[in-house]
Amino acid sequence: MSFINSCGPKYTVKPGDSLSKISATCYGTQDFWFAIAKENGIKDPYIIYPKQVLKIPSNPAG
């Protein structure tokens, strides 16, 4: 199954966001939070900050 990134190449974190929420927004499923973490070198997925700009992988399953 192919997942399309609807957020574009970058996403600016908003208050209350989490990697799973961002994954749901960008891919329609929370399942790819780990791909966002990996793309951005995030070691602790619970620590992201408002206004932080994250790179969003175009192909999270690949």
PDB file of N, CA and C in Angstrom:
ATOM      1  N   MET A   1       0.838  -1.173   0.000  1.00  0.00           N
ATOM      2  CA  MET A   1       0.000   0.000   0.000  1.00  0.00           C
ATOM      3  C   MET A   1       0.887   1.242   0.000  1.00  0.00           C
ATOM      4  N   SER A   2       0.476   2.244  -0.737  1.00  0.00           N
ATOM      5  CA  SER A   2       1.241   3.481  -0.849  1.00  0.00           C
ATOM      6  C   SER A   2       0.586   4.575  -0.016  1.00  0.00           C
ATOM      7  N   PHE A   3       1.387   5.326   0.699  1.00  0.00           N
ATOM      8  CA  PHE A   3       0.886   6.435   1.499  1.00  0.00           C
ATOM      9  C   PHE A   3       1.430   7.728   0.925  1.00  0.00           C
ATOM     10  N   ILE A   4       0.535   8.677   0.676  1.00  0.00           N
ATOM     11  CA  ILE A   4       0.921   9.954   0.091  1.00  0.00           C
ATOM     12  C   ILE A   4       1.100  10.978   1.198  1.00  0.00           C
ATOM     13  N   ASN A   5       2.198  11.706   1.145  1.00  0.00           N
ATOM     14  CA  ASN A   5       2.486  12.765   2.097  1.00  0.00           C
ATOM     15  C   ASN A   5       1.696  13.998   1.689  1.00  0.00           C
ATOM     16  N   SER A   6       0.668  14.352   2.467  1.00  0.00           N
ATOM     17  CA  SER A   6      -0.166  15.509   2.140  1.00  0.00           C
ATOM     18  C   SER A   6       0.344  16.796   2.784  1.00  0.00           C
ATOM     19  N   CYS A   7       1.459  16.731   3.498  1.00  0.00           N
ATOM     20  CA  CYS A   7       1.999  17.904   4.201  1.00  0.00           C
ATOM     21  C   CYS A   7       3.097  18.624   3.427  1.00  0.00           C
ATOM     22  N   GLY A   8       3.634  17.988   2.422  1.00  0.00           N
ATOM     23  CA  GLY A   8       4.780  18.571   1.736  1.00  0.00           C
ATOM     24  C   GLY A   8       6.070  18.155   2.418  1.00  0.00           C
ATOM     25  N   PRO A   9       7.204  18.724   2.001  1.00  0.00           N
ATOM     26  CA  PRO A   9       8.499  18.267   2.504  1.00  0.00           C
ATOM     27  C   PRO A   9       8.815  18.699   3.936  1.00  0.00           C
ATOM     28  N   LYS A  10       8.098  19.711   4.450  1.00  0.00           N
ATOM     29  CA  LYS A  10       8.371  20.200   5.807  1.00  0.00           C
ATOM     30  C   LYS A  10       7.064  20.453   6.544  1.00  0.00           C
ATOM     31  N   TYR A  11       7.135  20.329   7.858  1.00  0.00           N
ATOM     32  CA  TYR A  11       5.974  20.565   8.718  1.00  0.00           C
ATOM     33  C   TYR A  11       6.451  21.340   9.934  1.00  0.00           C
ATOM     34  N   THR A  12       5.738  22.407  10.281  1.00  0.00           N
ATOM     35  CA  THR A  12       6.062  23.185  11.476  1.00  0.00           C
ATOM     36  C   THR A  12       5.193  22.700  12.626  1.00  0.00           C
ATOM     37  N   VAL A  13       5.831  22.266  13.699  1.00  0.00           N
ATOM     38  CA  VAL A  13       5.138  21.720  14.861  1.00  0.00           C
ATOM     39  C   VAL A  13       4.275  22.799  15.512  1.00  0.00           C
ATOM     40  N   LYS A  14       3.041  22.404  15.860  1.00  0.00           N
ATOM     41  CA  LYS A  14       2.101  23.290  16.548  1.00  0.00           C
ATOM     42  C   LYS A  14       1.963  22.832  18.003  1.00  0.00           C
ATOM     43  N   PRO A  15       1.539  23.726  18.898  1.00  0.00           N
ATOM     44  CA  PRO A  15       1.314  23.304  20.285  1.00  0.00           C
ATOM     45  C   PRO A  15       0.343  22.118  20.333  1.00  0.00           C
ATOM     46  N   GLY A  16       0.673  21.126  21.120  1.00  0.00           N
ATOM     47  CA  GLY A  16      -0.170  19.941  21.262  1.00  0.00           C
ATOM     48  C   GLY A  16       0.122  18.837  20.258  1.00  0.00           C
ATOM     49  N   ASP A  17       0.994  19.102  19.289  1.00  0.00           N
ATOM     50  CA  ASP A  17       1.361  18.077  18.309  1.00  0.00           C
ATOM     51  C   ASP A  17       2.213  16.986  18.951  1.00  0.00           C
ATOM     52  N   SER A  18       2.148  15.817  18.365  1.00  0.00           N
ATOM     53  CA  SER A  18       3.045  14.704  18.680  1.00  0.00           C
ATOM     54  C   SER A  18       3.431  14.102  17.335  1.00  0.00           C
ATOM     55  N   LEU A  19       4.432  13.264  17.327  1.00  0.00           N
ATOM     56  CA  LEU A  19       4.823  12.641  16.064  1.00  0.00           C
ATOM     57  C   LEU A  19       3.692  11.788  15.495  1.00  0.00           C
ATOM     58  N   SER A  20       2.928  11.134  16.358  1.00  0.00           N
ATOM     59  CA  SER A  20       1.817  10.321  15.851  1.00  0.00           C
ATOM     60  C   SER A  20       0.707  11.198  15.272  1.00  0.00           C
ATOM     61  N   LYS A  21       0.450  12.359  15.869  1.00  0.00           N
ATOM     62  CA  LYS A  21      -0.551  13.283  15.314  1.00  0.00           C
ATOM     63  C   LYS A  21      -0.082  13.839  13.973  1.00  0.00           C
ATOM     64  N   ILE A  22       1.196  14.175  13.889  1.00  0.00           N
ATOM     65  CA  ILE A  22       1.746  14.687  12.632  1.00  0.00           C
ATOM     66  C   ILE A  22       1.667  13.603  11.557  1.00  0.00           C
ATOM     67  N   SER A  23       1.984  12.376  11.912  1.00  0.00           N
ATOM     68  CA  SER A  23       1.879  11.260  10.977  1.00  0.00           C
ATOM     69  C   SER A  23       0.440  11.109  10.481  1.00  0.00           C
ATOM     70  N   ALA A  24      -0.522  11.203  11.389  1.00  0.00           N
ATOM     71  CA  ALA A  24      -1.933  11.094  10.998  1.00  0.00           C
ATOM     72  C   ALA A  24      -2.330  12.228  10.057  1.00  0.00           C
ATOM     73  N   THR A  25      -1.838  13.431  10.324  1.00  0.00           N
ATOM     74  CA  THR A  25      -2.136  14.582   9.470  1.00  0.00           C
ATOM     75  C   THR A  25      -1.522  14.409   8.084  1.00  0.00           C
ATOM     76  N   CYS A  26      -0.287  13.975   8.044  1.00  0.00           N
ATOM     77  CA  CYS A  26       0.443  13.908   6.772  1.00  0.00           C
ATOM     78  C   CYS A  26       0.141  12.661   5.950  1.00  0.00           C
ATOM     79  N   TYR A  27      -0.097  11.537   6.608  1.00  0.00           N
ATOM     80  CA  TYR A  27      -0.246  10.264   5.897  1.00  0.00           C
ATOM     81  C   TYR A  27      -1.612   9.600   6.076  1.00  0.00           C
ATOM     82  N   GLY A  28      -2.452  10.150   6.959  1.00  0.00           N
ATOM     83  CA  GLY A  28      -3.753   9.543   7.204  1.00  0.00           C
ATOM     84  C   GLY A  28      -3.709   8.379   8.178  1.00  0.00           C
ATOM     85  N   THR A  29      -2.559   8.147   8.795  1.00  0.00           N
ATOM     86  CA  THR A  29      -2.396   7.092   9.798  1.00  0.00           C
ATOM     87  C   THR A  29      -1.297   7.497  10.780  1.00  0.00           C
ATOM     88  N   GLN A  30      -1.449   7.090  12.027  1.00  0.00           N
ATOM     89  CA  GLN A  30      -0.435   7.386  13.045  1.00  0.00           C
ATOM     90  C   GLN A  30       0.776   6.464  12.934  1.00  0.00           C
ATOM     91  N   ASP A  31       0.695   5.472  12.093  1.00  0.00           N
ATOM     92  CA  ASP A  31       1.686   4.398  12.053  1.00  0.00           C
ATOM     93  C   ASP A  31       3.091   4.799  11.617  1.00  0.00           C
ATOM     94  N   PHE A  32       3.256   5.978  11.016  1.00  0.00           N
ATOM     95  CA  PHE A  32       4.563   6.339  10.469  1.00  0.00           C
ATOM     96  C   PHE A  32       5.294   7.412  11.271  1.00  0.00           C
ATOM     97  N   TRP A  33       4.945   7.548  12.549  1.00  0.00           N
ATOM     98  CA  TRP A  33       5.651   8.517  13.399  1.00  0.00           C
ATOM     99  C   TRP A  33       7.147   8.209  13.427  1.00  0.00           C
ATOM    100  N   PHE A  34       7.484   6.916  13.384  1.00  0.00           N
ATOM    101  CA  PHE A  34       8.897   6.509  13.457  1.00  0.00           C
ATOM    102  C   PHE A  34       9.682   6.990  12.236  1.00  0.00           C
ATOM    103  N   ALA A  35       9.036   7.054  11.070  1.00  0.00           N
ATOM    104  CA  ALA A  35       9.714   7.526   9.858  1.00  0.00           C
ATOM    105  C   ALA A  35      10.045   9.014   9.979  1.00  0.00           C
ATOM    106  N   ILE A  36       9.135   9.772  10.584  1.00  0.00           N
ATOM    107  CA  ILE A  36       9.384  11.205  10.805  1.00  0.00           C
ATOM    108  C   ILE A  36      10.522  11.375  11.806  1.00  0.00           C
ATOM    109  N   ALA A  37      10.497  10.585  12.879  1.00  0.00           N
ATOM    110  CA  ALA A  37      11.569  10.649  13.884  1.00  0.00           C
ATOM    111  C   ALA A  37      12.918  10.322  13.251  1.00  0.00           C
ATOM    112  N   LYS A  38      12.966   9.264  12.468  1.00  0.00           N
ATOM    113  CA  LYS A  38      14.223   8.844  11.832  1.00  0.00           C
ATOM    114  C   LYS A  38      14.737   9.910  10.870  1.00  0.00           C
ATOM    115  N   GLU A  39      13.860  10.473  10.058  1.00  0.00           N
ATOM    116  CA  GLU A  39      14.241  11.491   9.068  1.00  0.00           C
ATOM    117  C   GLU A  39      14.852  12.722   9.730  1.00  0.00           C
ATOM    118  N   ASN A  40      14.423  13.000  10.970  1.00  0.00           N
ATOM    119  CA  ASN A  40      14.869  14.205  11.667  1.00  0.00           C
ATOM    120  C   ASN A  40      15.891  13.936  12.767  1.00  0.00           C
ATOM    121  N   GLY A  41      16.331  12.683  12.898  1.00  0.00           N
ATOM    122  CA  GLY A  41      17.321  12.347  13.916  1.00  0.00           C
ATOM    123  C   GLY A  41      16.800  12.505  15.334  1.00  0.00           C
ATOM    124  N   ILE A  42      15.497  12.311  15.505  1.00  0.00           N
ATOM    125  CA  ILE A  42      14.875  12.456  16.824  1.00  0.00           C
ATOM    126  C   ILE A  42      15.063  11.154  17.594  1.00  0.00           C
ATOM    127  N   LYS A  43      15.746  11.233  18.717  1.00  0.00           N
ATOM    128  CA  LYS A  43      16.019  10.043  19.534  1.00  0.00           C
ATOM    129  C   LYS A  43      14.860   9.735  20.487  1.00  0.00           C
ATOM    130  N   ASP A  44      14.252  10.775  21.065  1.00  0.00           N
ATOM    131  CA  ASP A  44      13.119  10.603  21.973  1.00  0.00           C
ATOM    132  C   ASP A  44      11.872  11.143  21.284  1.00  0.00           C
ATOM    133  N   PRO A  45      10.972  10.268  20.833  1.00  0.00           N
ATOM    134  CA  PRO A  45       9.815  10.715  20.062  1.00  0.00           C
ATOM    135  C   PRO A  45       8.824  11.563  20.855  1.00  0.00           C
ATOM    136  N   TYR A  46       9.001  11.634  22.162  1.00  0.00           N
ATOM    137  CA  TYR A  46       8.103  12.434  22.990  1.00  0.00           C
ATOM    138  C   TYR A  46       8.572  13.876  23.127  1.00  0.00           C
ATOM    139  N   ILE A  47       9.743  14.184  22.592  1.00  0.00           N
ATOM    140  CA  ILE A  47      10.280  15.537  22.737  1.00  0.00           C
ATOM    141  C   ILE A  47      10.362  16.218  21.374  1.00  0.00           C
ATOM    142  N   ILE A  48       9.331  17.020  21.093  1.00  0.00           N
ATOM    143  CA  ILE A  48       9.335  17.936  19.955  1.00  0.00           C
ATOM    144  C   ILE A  48       8.792  19.261  20.473  1.00  0.00           C
ATOM    145  N   TYR A  49       9.062  20.330  19.760  1.00  0.00           N
ATOM    146  CA  TYR A  49       8.745  21.666  20.260  1.00  0.00           C
ATOM    147  C   TYR A  49       7.926  22.459  19.252  1.00  0.00           C
ATOM    148  N   PRO A  50       6.960  23.278  19.744  1.00  0.00           N
ATOM    149  CA  PRO A  50       6.238  24.171  18.842  1.00  0.00           C
ATOM    150  C   PRO A  50       7.222  25.032  18.049  1.00  0.00           C
ATOM    151  N   LYS A  51       6.897  25.252  16.806  1.00  0.00           N
ATOM    152  CA  LYS A  51       7.684  26.025  15.842  1.00  0.00           C
ATOM    153  C   LYS A  51       8.897  25.256  15.307  1.00  0.00           C
ATOM    154  N   GLN A  52       9.144  24.051  15.818  1.00  0.00           N
ATOM    155  CA  GLN A  52      10.210  23.209  15.271  1.00  0.00           C
ATOM    156  C   GLN A  52       9.792  22.789  13.855  1.00  0.00           C
ATOM    157  N   VAL A  53      10.696  22.872  12.913  1.00  0.00           N
ATOM    158  CA  VAL A  53      10.402  22.486  11.532  1.00  0.00           C
ATOM    159  C   VAL A  53      10.959  21.084  11.293  1.00  0.00           C
ATOM    160  N   LEU A  54      10.065  20.174  10.917  1.00  0.00           N
ATOM    161  CA  LEU A  54      10.442  18.783  10.685  1.00  0.00           C
ATOM    162  C   LEU A  54      10.407  18.458   9.198  1.00  0.00           C
ATOM    163  N   LYS A  55      11.352  17.647   8.762  1.00  0.00           N
ATOM    164  CA  LYS A  55      11.326  17.110   7.403  1.00  0.00           C
ATOM    165  C   LYS A  55      10.346  15.938   7.400  1.00  0.00           C
ATOM    166  N   ILE A  56       9.501  15.892   6.391  1.00  0.00           N
ATOM    167  CA  ILE A  56       8.506  14.832   6.278  1.00  0.00           C
ATOM    168  C   ILE A  56       8.870  13.948   5.085  1.00  0.00           C
ATOM    169  N   PRO A  57       9.166  12.669   5.330  1.00  0.00           N
ATOM    170  CA  PRO A  57       9.545  11.778   4.224  1.00  0.00           C
ATOM    171  C   PRO A  57       8.409  11.635   3.205  1.00  0.00           C
ATOM    172  N   SER A  58       8.760  11.634   1.932  1.00  0.00           N
ATOM    173  CA  SER A  58       7.735  11.467   0.899  1.00  0.00           C
ATOM    174  C   SER A  58       7.237  10.026   0.848  1.00  0.00           C
ATOM    175  N   ASN A  59       8.088   9.073   1.227  1.00  0.00           N
ATOM    176  CA  ASN A  59       7.704   7.664   1.236  1.00  0.00           C
ATOM    177  C   ASN A  59       8.018   7.071   2.609  1.00  0.00           C
ATOM    178  N   PRO A  60       7.068   7.125   3.552  1.00  0.00           N
ATOM    179  CA  PRO A  60       7.356   6.695   4.921  1.00  0.00           C
ATOM    180  C   PRO A  60       7.582   5.200   5.066  1.00  0.00           C
ATOM    181  N   ALA A  61       7.061   4.422   4.154  1.00  0.00           N
ATOM    182  CA  ALA A  61       7.189   2.970   4.259  1.00  0.00           C
ATOM    183  C   ALA A  61       8.470   2.456   3.610  1.00  0.00           C
ATOM    184  N   GLY A  62       9.189   3.343   2.937  1.00  0.00           N
ATOM    185  CA  GLY A  62      10.359   2.895   2.196  1.00  0.00           C
ATOM    186  C   GLY A  62      11.586   3.220   2.875  1.00  0.00           C
TER     187      GLY A  62
END
